[in-house]
Amino acid sequence: MRKVRIKDVNQITVKNIQSYMERTVTKVGSGAKVDCPKEFLGKKAFLIIKKYED
């Protein structure tokens, strides 16, 4: 099984954003998923996990 390295940072800067959205991670089988519109199929995306709820 492949391990994903997680970087613990406090700030991120992103340029050339096409869109952004806030979604809730939901359970699927023994894993999890985040839904997004299919217009973004094939696009590169970054998932940012918030440390605390606002």
C-alpha atoms as a PDB file:
ATOM      1  CA  MET A   1       0.000   0.000   0.000  1.00  0.00           C
ATOM      2  CA  ARG A   2       1.251   3.476  -0.896  1.00  0.00           C
ATOM      3  CA  LYS A   3       1.591   6.119   1.853  1.00  0.00           C
ATOM      4  CA  VAL A   4       0.712   9.749   1.187  1.00  0.00           C
ATOM      5  CA  ARG A   5       2.970  12.291   2.873  1.00  0.00           C
ATOM      6  CA  ILE A   6       1.102  15.125   4.561  1.00  0.00           C
ATOM      7  CA  LYS A   7       2.788  18.488   5.049  1.00  0.00           C
ATOM      8  CA  ASP A   8       1.707  20.471   8.097  1.00  0.00           C
ATOM      9  CA  VAL A   9       1.758  24.136   7.015  1.00  0.00           C
ATOM     10  CA  ASN A  10      -0.061  27.261   8.164  1.00  0.00           C
ATOM     11  CA  GLN A  11      -0.322  29.174   4.897  1.00  0.00           C
ATOM     12  CA  ILE A  12      -0.638  28.402   1.199  1.00  0.00           C
ATOM     13  CA  THR A  13      -0.599  30.722  -1.826  1.00  0.00           C
ATOM     14  CA  VAL A  14      -2.111  29.584  -5.126  1.00  0.00           C
ATOM     15  CA  LYS A  15      -1.997  31.454  -8.447  1.00  0.00           C
ATOM     16  CA  ASN A  16      -4.238  31.092 -11.521  1.00  0.00           C
ATOM     17  CA  ILE A  17      -7.277  29.685  -9.668  1.00  0.00           C
ATOM     18  CA  GLN A  18     -10.118  28.712 -11.996  1.00  0.00           C
ATOM     19  CA  SER A  19     -12.587  28.018  -9.203  1.00  0.00           C
ATOM     20  CA  TYR A  20     -12.785  27.069  -5.559  1.00  0.00           C
ATOM     21  CA  MET A  21     -15.429  25.408  -3.386  1.00  0.00           C
ATOM     22  CA  GLU A  22     -15.942  24.069   0.105  1.00  0.00           C
ATOM     23  CA  ARG A  23     -17.107  20.473   0.459  1.00  0.00           C
ATOM     24  CA  THR A  24     -17.467  17.904   3.249  1.00  0.00           C
ATOM     25  CA  VAL A  25     -15.491  14.665   3.130  1.00  0.00           C
ATOM     26  CA  THR A  26     -17.891  11.687   3.163  1.00  0.00           C
ATOM     27  CA  LYS A  27     -17.387   7.991   3.796  1.00  0.00           C
ATOM     28  CA  VAL A  28     -17.339   5.534   0.894  1.00  0.00           C
ATOM     29  CA  GLY A  29     -16.502   1.884   1.619  1.00  0.00           C
ATOM     30  CA  SER A  30     -13.344   1.812   3.733  1.00  0.00           C
ATOM     31  CA  GLY A  31     -12.179   5.209   2.437  1.00  0.00           C
ATOM     32  CA  ALA A  32     -13.463   8.726   1.903  1.00  0.00           C
ATOM     33  CA  LYS A  33     -14.318  11.064  -0.979  1.00  0.00           C
ATOM     34  CA  VAL A  34     -15.019  14.692  -1.793  1.00  0.00           C
ATOM     35  CA  ASP A  35     -17.605  15.415  -4.492  1.00  0.00           C
ATOM     36  CA  CYS A  36     -17.065  18.063  -7.146  1.00  0.00           C
ATOM     37  CA  PRO A  37     -18.801  18.967 -10.424  1.00  0.00           C
ATOM     38  CA  LYS A  38     -17.908  16.786 -13.421  1.00  0.00           C
ATOM     39  CA  GLU A  39     -16.817  19.863 -15.377  1.00  0.00           C
ATOM     40  CA  PHE A  40     -13.538  19.397 -13.480  1.00  0.00           C
ATOM     41  CA  LEU A  41     -12.930  15.807 -14.661  1.00  0.00           C
ATOM     42  CA  GLY A  42      -9.320  15.471 -15.787  1.00  0.00           C
ATOM     43  CA  LYS A  43      -8.260  18.699 -14.049  1.00  0.00           C
ATOM     44  CA  LYS A  44      -5.549  18.798 -11.400  1.00  0.00           C
ATOM     45  CA  ALA A  45      -6.944  19.617  -7.958  1.00  0.00           C
ATOM     46  CA  PHE A  46      -5.552  20.214  -4.481  1.00  0.00           C
ATOM     47  CA  LEU A  47      -7.389  19.169  -1.342  1.00  0.00           C
ATOM     48  CA  ILE A  48      -6.753  21.303   1.742  1.00  0.00           C
ATOM     49  CA  ILE A  49      -7.840  19.936   5.120  1.00  0.00           C
ATOM     50  CA  LYS A  50      -8.720  22.621   7.678  1.00  0.00           C
ATOM     51  CA  LYS A  51      -7.208  22.132  11.127  1.00  0.00           C
ATOM     52  CA  TYR A  52     -10.148  23.690  13.001  1.00  0.00           C
ATOM     53  CA  GLU A  53     -13.736  24.386  12.076  1.00  0.00           C
ATOM     54  CA  ASP A  54     -14.537  28.106  11.874  1.00  0.00           C
END
